[in-house]
Every structure is written in structure tokens, then in C-alpha cells.
Amino acid sequence: VDSAASISQSGAGRELEFLRNGRLDSWGAGGSL
């Protein structure tokens, strides 16, 4: 998952930094019948 947002103000917190240019990699395992 890639996140992008227009956040121009400096001093933004870590959560807003994720919204500006963050990523979330994932993996999954399981099965079907």
C-alpha cells in the first residue's frame, strides 16, 4: 500500500509523514477448501 497526500507544512508528525509518502508492505498465508 502506497500513501500520498499534499502536506506542505513543516513539523508534521509521524502519522502525517506516513500520509505524505508512506508505504505498508504485507504478506499473507492461508488456504482454501
PDB file of all heavy atoms in Angstrom:
ATOM      1  N   VAL A   1       0.854  -1.177   0.000  1.00  0.00           N
ATOM      2  CA  VAL A   1       0.000   0.000   0.000  1.00  0.00           C
ATOM      3  C   VAL A   1       0.897   1.237   0.000  1.00  0.00           C
ATOM      4  O   VAL A   1       1.786   1.363   0.857  1.00  0.00           O
ATOM      5  CB  VAL A   1      -0.930   0.036   1.229  1.00  0.00           C
ATOM      6  CG1 VAL A   1      -1.801   1.287   1.198  1.00  0.00           C
ATOM      7  CG2 VAL A   1      -1.803  -1.221   1.277  1.00  0.00           C
ATOM      8  N   ASP A   2       0.691   2.138  -0.941  1.00  0.00           N
ATOM      9  CA  ASP A   2       1.409   3.412  -1.002  1.00  0.00           C
ATOM     10  C   ASP A   2       0.451   4.542  -0.672  1.00  0.00           C
ATOM     11  O   ASP A   2      -0.682   4.569  -1.165  1.00  0.00           O
ATOM     12  CB  ASP A   2       2.005   3.641  -2.398  1.00  0.00           C
ATOM     13  CG  ASP A   2       3.144   2.692  -2.711  1.00  0.00           C
ATOM     14  OD1 ASP A   2       3.944   2.417  -1.794  1.00  0.00           O
ATOM     15  OD2 ASP A   2       3.226   2.212  -3.852  1.00  0.00           O
ATOM     16  N   SER A   3       0.911   5.466   0.158  1.00  0.00           N
ATOM     17  CA  SER A   3       0.083   6.608   0.547  1.00  0.00           C
ATOM     18  C   SER A   3       0.697   7.889   0.005  1.00  0.00           C
ATOM     19  O   SER A   3       1.919   8.057  -0.005  1.00  0.00           O
ATOM     20  CB  SER A   3      -0.027   6.694   2.076  1.00  0.00           C
ATOM     21  OG  SER A   3      -0.763   7.837   2.459  1.00  0.00           O
ATOM     22  N   ALA A   4      -0.162   8.805  -0.437  1.00  0.00           N
ATOM     23  CA  ALA A   4       0.282  10.108  -0.929  1.00  0.00           C
ATOM     24  C   ALA A   4      -0.740  11.151  -0.523  1.00  0.00           C
ATOM     25  O   ALA A   4      -1.943  10.935  -0.622  1.00  0.00           O
ATOM     26  CB  ALA A   4       0.456  10.095  -2.442  1.00  0.00           C
ATOM     27  N   ALA A   5      -0.232  12.294  -0.038  1.00  0.00           N
ATOM     28  CA  ALA A   5      -1.106  13.408   0.321  1.00  0.00           C
ATOM     29  C   ALA A   5      -0.303  14.691   0.211  1.00  0.00           C
ATOM     30  O   ALA A   5       0.922  14.699   0.383  1.00  0.00           O
ATOM     31  CB  ALA A   5      -1.660  13.251   1.735  1.00  0.00           C
ATOM     32  N   SER A   6      -0.965  15.769  -0.079  1.00  0.00           N
ATOM     33  CA  SER A   6      -0.312  17.071  -0.196  1.00  0.00           C
ATOM     34  C   SER A   6      -0.255  17.716   1.182  1.00  0.00           C
ATOM     35  O   SER A   6      -1.248  18.257   1.679  1.00  0.00           O
ATOM     36  CB  SER A   6      -1.080  17.958  -1.178  1.00  0.00           C
ATOM     37  OG  SER A   6      -0.482  19.239  -1.261  1.00  0.00           O
ATOM     38  N   ILE A   7       0.906  17.613   1.822  1.00  0.00           N
ATOM     39  CA  ILE A   7       1.113  18.192   3.149  1.00  0.00           C
ATOM     40  C   ILE A   7       2.339  19.086   3.058  1.00  0.00           C
ATOM     41  O   ILE A   7       3.469  18.615   3.014  1.00  0.00           O
ATOM     42  CB  ILE A   7       1.325  17.102   4.221  1.00  0.00           C
ATOM     43  CG1 ILE A   7       0.102  16.191   4.267  1.00  0.00           C
ATOM     44  CG2 ILE A   7       1.576  17.716   5.587  1.00  0.00           C
ATOM     45  CD1 ILE A   7       0.235  15.020   5.213  1.00  0.00           C
ATOM     46  N   SER A   8       2.119  20.382   3.019  1.00  0.00           N
ATOM     47  CA  SER A   8       3.212  21.320   2.774  1.00  0.00           C
ATOM     48  C   SER A   8       3.849  21.828   4.054  1.00  0.00           C
ATOM     49  O   SER A   8       4.982  22.302   4.048  1.00  0.00           O
ATOM     50  CB  SER A   8       2.702  22.514   1.959  1.00  0.00           C
ATOM     51  OG  SER A   8       1.652  23.168   2.643  1.00  0.00           O
ATOM     52  N   GLN A   9       3.174  21.734   5.185  1.00  0.00           N
ATOM     53  CA  GLN A   9       3.693  22.355   6.404  1.00  0.00           C
ATOM     54  C   GLN A   9       4.807  21.533   7.023  1.00  0.00           C
ATOM     55  O   GLN A   9       4.732  20.315   7.114  1.00  0.00           O
ATOM     56  CB  GLN A   9       2.566  22.523   7.425  1.00  0.00           C
ATOM     57  CG  GLN A   9       3.054  23.198   8.710  1.00  0.00           C
ATOM     58  CD  GLN A   9       1.884  23.685   9.525  1.00  0.00           C
ATOM     59  OE1 GLN A   9       0.793  23.811   9.014  1.00  0.00           O
ATOM     60  NE2 GLN A   9       2.129  23.978  10.771  1.00  0.00           N
ATOM     61  N   SER A  10       5.867  22.204   7.434  1.00  0.00           N
ATOM     62  CA  SER A  10       6.951  21.528   8.121  1.00  0.00           C
ATOM     63  C   SER A  10       6.531  21.236   9.553  1.00  0.00           C
ATOM     64  O   SER A  10       5.600  21.826  10.086  1.00  0.00           O
ATOM     65  CB  SER A  10       8.212  22.396   8.115  1.00  0.00           C
ATOM     66  OG  SER A  10       7.974  23.615   8.811  1.00  0.00           O
ATOM     67  N   GLY A  11       7.244  20.323  10.185  1.00  0.00           N
ATOM     68  CA  GLY A  11       6.951  19.985  11.562  1.00  0.00           C
ATOM     69  C   GLY A  11       5.808  19.011  11.716  1.00  0.00           C
ATOM     70  O   GLY A  11       5.312  18.800  12.807  1.00  0.00           O
ATOM     71  N   ALA A  12       5.351  18.420  10.620  1.00  0.00           N
ATOM     72  CA  ALA A  12       4.251  17.475  10.706  1.00  0.00           C
ATOM     73  C   ALA A  12       4.682  16.243  11.480  1.00  0.00           C
ATOM     74  O   ALA A  12       5.833  15.833  11.444  1.00  0.00           O
ATOM     75  CB  ALA A  12       3.781  17.082   9.304  1.00  0.00           C
ATOM     76  N   GLY A  13       3.755  15.608  12.187  1.00  0.00           N
ATOM     77  CA  GLY A  13       4.048  14.425  12.972  1.00  0.00           C
ATOM     78  C   GLY A  13       4.266  13.198  12.116  1.00  0.00           C
ATOM     79  O   GLY A  13       4.089  13.208  10.904  1.00  0.00           O
ATOM     80  N   ARG A  14       4.641  12.089  12.793  1.00  0.00           N
ATOM     81  CA  ARG A  14       4.976  10.864  12.074  1.00  0.00           C
ATOM     82  C   ARG A  14       3.772  10.307  11.321  1.00  0.00           C
ATOM     83  O   ARG A  14       3.913   9.744  10.236  1.00  0.00           O
ATOM     84  CB  ARG A  14       5.510   9.833  13.064  1.00  0.00           C
ATOM     85  CG  ARG A  14       6.841  10.220  13.715  1.00  0.00           C
ATOM     86  CD  ARG A  14       7.190   9.248  14.823  1.00  0.00           C
ATOM     87  NE  ARG A  14       7.342   7.897  14.287  1.00  0.00           N
ATOM     88  CZ  ARG A  14       7.204   6.800  15.024  1.00  0.00           C
ATOM     89  NH1 ARG A  14       6.854   6.904  16.287  1.00  0.00           N
ATOM     90  NH2 ARG A  14       7.375   5.618  14.487  1.00  0.00           N
ATOM     91  N   GLU A  15       2.585  10.424  11.896  1.00  0.00           N
ATOM     92  CA  GLU A  15       1.405   9.906  11.211  1.00  0.00           C
ATOM     93  C   GLU A  15       1.146  10.654   9.914  1.00  0.00           C
ATOM     94  O   GLU A  15       0.824  10.060   8.896  1.00  0.00           O
ATOM     95  CB  GLU A  15       0.185   9.996  12.132  1.00  0.00           C
ATOM     96  CG  GLU A  15       0.216   9.005  13.285  1.00  0.00           C
ATOM     97  CD  GLU A  15      -1.061   9.044  14.088  1.00  0.00           C
ATOM     98  OE1 GLU A  15      -1.680  10.127  14.156  1.00  0.00           O
ATOM     99  OE2 GLU A  15      -1.443   8.009  14.654  1.00  0.00           O
ATOM    100  N   LEU A  16       1.322  11.977   9.940  1.00  0.00           N
ATOM    101  CA  LEU A  16       1.124  12.755   8.727  1.00  0.00           C
ATOM    102  C   LEU A  16       2.245  12.508   7.721  1.00  0.00           C
ATOM    103  O   LEU A  16       2.042  12.620   6.519  1.00  0.00           O
ATOM    104  CB  LEU A  16       1.008  14.239   9.059  1.00  0.00           C
ATOM    105  CG  LEU A  16      -0.277  14.626   9.795  1.00  0.00           C
ATOM    106  CD1 LEU A  16      -0.267  16.095  10.156  1.00  0.00           C
ATOM    107  CD2 LEU A  16      -1.492  14.302   8.950  1.00  0.00           C
ATOM    108  N   GLU A  17       3.441  12.169   8.204  1.00  0.00           N
ATOM    109  CA  GLU A  17       4.515  11.802   7.288  1.00  0.00           C
ATOM    110  C   GLU A  17       4.158  10.529   6.534  1.00  0.00           C
ATOM    111  O   GLU A  17       4.487  10.377   5.357  1.00  0.00           O
ATOM    112  CB  GLU A  17       5.832  11.621   8.050  1.00  0.00           C
ATOM    113  CG  GLU A  17       6.520  12.924   8.420  1.00  0.00           C
ATOM    114  CD  GLU A  17       6.874  13.736   7.178  1.00  0.00           C
ATOM    115  OE1 GLU A  17       7.356  13.146   6.190  1.00  0.00           O
ATOM    116  OE2 GLU A  17       6.642  14.954   7.190  1.00  0.00           O
ATOM    117  N   PHE A  18       3.484   9.596   7.210  1.00  0.00           N
ATOM    118  CA  PHE A  18       3.029   8.397   6.511  1.00  0.00           C
ATOM    119  C   PHE A  18       2.022   8.765   5.433  1.00  0.00           C
ATOM    120  O   PHE A  18       2.072   8.241   4.314  1.00  0.00           O
ATOM    121  CB  PHE A  18       2.400   7.409   7.490  1.00  0.00           C
ATOM    122  CG  PHE A  18       1.747   6.236   6.798  1.00  0.00           C
ATOM    123  CD1 PHE A  18       2.506   5.158   6.383  1.00  0.00           C
ATOM    124  CD2 PHE A  18       0.384   6.229   6.543  1.00  0.00           C
ATOM    125  CE1 PHE A  18       1.911   4.084   5.723  1.00  0.00           C
ATOM    126  CE2 PHE A  18      -0.225   5.174   5.889  1.00  0.00           C
ATOM    127  CZ  PHE A  18       0.550   4.085   5.475  1.00  0.00           C
ATOM    128  N   LEU A  19       1.103   9.672   5.747  1.00  0.00           N
ATOM    129  CA  LEU A  19       0.123  10.068   4.747  1.00  0.00           C
ATOM    130  C   LEU A  19       0.778  10.764   3.571  1.00  0.00           C
ATOM    131  O   LEU A  19       0.353  10.626   2.431  1.00  0.00           O
ATOM    132  CB  LEU A  19      -0.928  10.985   5.370  1.00  0.00           C
ATOM    133  CG  LEU A  19      -1.832  10.363   6.437  1.00  0.00           C
ATOM    134  CD1 LEU A  19      -2.818  11.391   6.952  1.00  0.00           C
ATOM    135  CD2 LEU A  19      -2.568   9.157   5.893  1.00  0.00           C
ATOM    136  N   ARG A  20       1.850  11.517   3.837  1.00  0.00           N
ATOM    137  CA  ARG A  20       2.527  12.252   2.770  1.00  0.00           C
ATOM    138  C   ARG A  20       3.222  11.311   1.801  1.00  0.00           C
ATOM    139  O   ARG A  20       3.092  11.444   0.586  1.00  0.00           O
ATOM    140  CB  ARG A  20       3.545  13.218   3.372  1.00  0.00           C
ATOM    141  CG  ARG A  20       4.157  14.178   2.356  1.00  0.00           C
ATOM    142  CD  ARG A  20       5.541  14.663   2.796  1.00  0.00           C
ATOM    143  NE  ARG A  20       5.548  15.168   4.132  1.00  0.00           N
ATOM    144  CZ  ARG A  20       5.425  16.451   4.498  1.00  0.00           C
ATOM    145  NH1 ARG A  20       5.238  17.355   3.563  1.00  0.00           N
ATOM    146  NH2 ARG A  20       5.478  16.817   5.755  1.00  0.00           N
ATOM    147  N   ASN A  21       3.954  10.325   2.330  1.00  0.00           N
ATOM    148  CA  ASN A  21       4.756   9.458   1.452  1.00  0.00           C
ATOM    149  C   ASN A  21       5.115   8.181   2.201  1.00  0.00           C
ATOM    150  O   ASN A  21       6.290   7.897   2.432  1.00  0.00           O
ATOM    151  CB  ASN A  21       6.019  10.192   0.994  1.00  0.00           C
ATOM    152  CG  ASN A  21       6.808   9.406  -0.047  1.00  0.00           C
ATOM    153  OD1 ASN A  21       6.235   8.587  -0.762  1.00  0.00           O
ATOM    154  ND2 ASN A  21       8.105   9.637  -0.116  1.00  0.00           N
ATOM    155  N   GLY A  22       4.122   7.409   2.597  1.00  0.00           N
ATOM    156  CA  GLY A  22       4.373   6.187   3.356  1.00  0.00           C
ATOM    157  C   GLY A  22       4.056   4.944   2.556  1.00  0.00           C
ATOM    158  O   GLY A  22       3.480   4.995   1.471  1.00  0.00           O
ATOM    159  N   ARG A  23       4.430   3.797   3.105  1.00  0.00           N
ATOM    160  CA  ARG A  23       4.153   2.517   2.466  1.00  0.00           C
ATOM    161  C   ARG A  23       3.896   1.470   3.534  1.00  0.00           C
ATOM    162  O   ARG A  23       4.391   1.550   4.656  1.00  0.00           O
ATOM    163  CB  ARG A  23       5.284   2.064   1.552  1.00  0.00           C
ATOM    164  CG  ARG A  23       6.602   1.848   2.252  1.00  0.00           C
ATOM    165  CD  ARG A  23       7.705   1.460   1.289  1.00  0.00           C
ATOM    166  NE  ARG A  23       7.720   0.046   1.013  1.00  0.00           N
ATOM    167  CZ  ARG A  23       8.720  -0.556   0.358  1.00  0.00           C
ATOM    168  NH1 ARG A  23       9.734   0.157  -0.115  1.00  0.00           N
ATOM    169  NH2 ARG A  23       8.683  -1.852   0.157  1.00  0.00           N
ATOM    170  N   LEU A  24       3.119   0.499   3.151  1.00  0.00           N
ATOM    171  CA  LEU A  24       2.788  -0.619   4.035  1.00  0.00           C
ATOM    172  C   LEU A  24       2.912  -1.897   3.220  1.00  0.00           C
ATOM    173  O   LEU A  24       2.117  -2.146   2.319  1.00  0.00           O
ATOM    174  CB  LEU A  24       1.363  -0.462   4.584  1.00  0.00           C
ATOM    175  CG  LEU A  24       0.844  -1.576   5.501  1.00  0.00           C
ATOM    176  CD1 LEU A  24       1.626  -1.583   6.817  1.00  0.00           C
ATOM    177  CD2 LEU A  24      -0.644  -1.394   5.780  1.00  0.00           C
ATOM    178  N   ASP A  25       3.949  -2.691   3.506  1.00  0.00           N
ATOM    179  CA  ASP A  25       4.136  -3.974   2.828  1.00  0.00           C
ATOM    180  C   ASP A  25       3.444  -5.072   3.630  1.00  0.00           C
ATOM    181  O   ASP A  25       3.437  -5.043   4.868  1.00  0.00           O
ATOM    182  CB  ASP A  25       5.619  -4.306   2.696  1.00  0.00           C
ATOM    183  CG  ASP A  25       6.345  -3.322   1.793  1.00  0.00           C
ATOM    184  OD1 ASP A  25       5.777  -2.964   0.750  1.00  0.00           O
ATOM    185  OD2 ASP A  25       7.466  -2.903   2.135  1.00  0.00           O
ATOM    186  N   SER A  26       2.885  -6.029   2.934  1.00  0.00           N
ATOM    187  CA  SER A  26       2.162  -7.094   3.623  1.00  0.00           C
ATOM    188  C   SER A  26       2.417  -8.439   2.957  1.00  0.00           C
ATOM    189  O   SER A  26       2.779  -8.517   1.783  1.00  0.00           O
ATOM    190  CB  SER A  26       0.653  -6.804   3.627  1.00  0.00           C
ATOM    191  OG  SER A  26       0.115  -6.923   2.323  1.00  0.00           O
ATOM    192  N   TRP A  27       2.239  -9.471   3.746  1.00  0.00           N
ATOM    193  CA  TRP A  27       2.259 -10.823   3.214  1.00  0.00           C
ATOM    194  C   TRP A  27       1.125 -11.599   3.876  1.00  0.00           C
ATOM    195  O   TRP A  27       0.628 -11.219   4.936  1.00  0.00           O
ATOM    196  CB  TRP A  27       3.601 -11.523   3.445  1.00  0.00           C
ATOM    197  CG  TRP A  27       3.841 -11.907   4.878  1.00  0.00           C
ATOM    198  CD1 TRP A  27       4.232 -11.101   5.905  1.00  0.00           C
ATOM    199  CD2 TRP A  27       3.669 -13.212   5.440  1.00  0.00           C
ATOM    200  NE1 TRP A  27       4.328 -11.801   7.079  1.00  0.00           N
ATOM    201  CE2 TRP A  27       3.985 -13.116   6.819  1.00  0.00           C
ATOM    202  CE3 TRP A  27       3.282 -14.447   4.924  1.00  0.00           C
ATOM    203  CZ2 TRP A  27       3.928 -14.204   7.683  1.00  0.00           C
ATOM    204  CZ3 TRP A  27       3.217 -15.544   5.776  1.00  0.00           C
ATOM    205  CH2 TRP A  27       3.544 -15.408   7.130  1.00  0.00           C
ATOM    206  N   GLY A  28       0.716 -12.657   3.233  1.00  0.00           N
ATOM    207  CA  GLY A  28      -0.381 -13.440   3.778  1.00  0.00           C
ATOM    208  C   GLY A  28      -0.204 -14.912   3.499  1.00  0.00           C
ATOM    209  O   GLY A  28       0.426 -15.316   2.520  1.00  0.00           O
ATOM    210  N   ALA A  29      -0.741 -15.730   4.377  1.00  0.00           N
ATOM    211  CA  ALA A  29      -0.704 -17.183   4.215  1.00  0.00           C
ATOM    212  C   ALA A  29      -2.016 -17.762   4.712  1.00  0.00           C
ATOM    213  O   ALA A  29      -2.631 -17.244   5.642  1.00  0.00           O
ATOM    214  CB  ALA A  29       0.477 -17.784   4.978  1.00  0.00           C
ATOM    215  N   GLY A  30      -2.430 -18.820   4.088  1.00  0.00           N
ATOM    216  CA  GLY A  30      -3.670 -19.476   4.481  1.00  0.00           C
ATOM    217  C   GLY A  30      -4.026 -20.552   3.487  1.00  0.00           C
ATOM    218  O   GLY A  30      -3.152 -21.122   2.826  1.00  0.00           O
ATOM    219  N   GLY A  31      -5.298 -20.810   3.354  1.00  0.00           N
ATOM    220  CA  GLY A  31      -5.707 -21.860   2.446  1.00  0.00           C
ATOM    221  C   GLY A  31      -7.177 -21.803   2.123  1.00  0.00           C
ATOM    222  O   GLY A  31      -7.933 -20.993   2.665  1.00  0.00           O
ATOM    223  N   SER A  32      -7.566 -22.681   1.211  1.00  0.00           N
ATOM    224  CA  SER A  32      -8.947 -22.787   0.776  1.00  0.00           C
ATOM    225  C   SER A  32      -9.330 -24.253   0.688  1.00  0.00           C
ATOM    226  O   SER A  32      -8.475 -25.130   0.509  1.00  0.00           O
ATOM    227  CB  SER A  32      -9.143 -22.129  -0.599  1.00  0.00           C
ATOM    228  OG  SER A  32      -8.699 -20.790  -0.606  1.00  0.00           O
ATOM    229  N   LEU A  33     -10.619 -24.509   0.809  1.00  0.00           N
ATOM    230  CA  LEU A  33     -11.162 -25.843   0.613  1.00  0.00           C
ATOM    231  C   LEU A  33     -12.323 -25.714  -0.363  1.00  0.00           C
ATOM    232  O   LEU A  33     -13.259 -24.942  -0.126  1.00  0.00           O
ATOM    233  CB  LEU A  33     -11.624 -26.446   1.935  1.00  0.00           C
ATOM    234  CG  LEU A  33     -12.043 -27.919   1.890  1.00  0.00           C
ATOM    235  CD1 LEU A  33     -10.861 -28.796   1.490  1.00  0.00           C
ATOM    236  CD2 LEU A  33     -12.598 -28.372   3.239  1.00  0.00           C
TER     237      LEU A  33
END
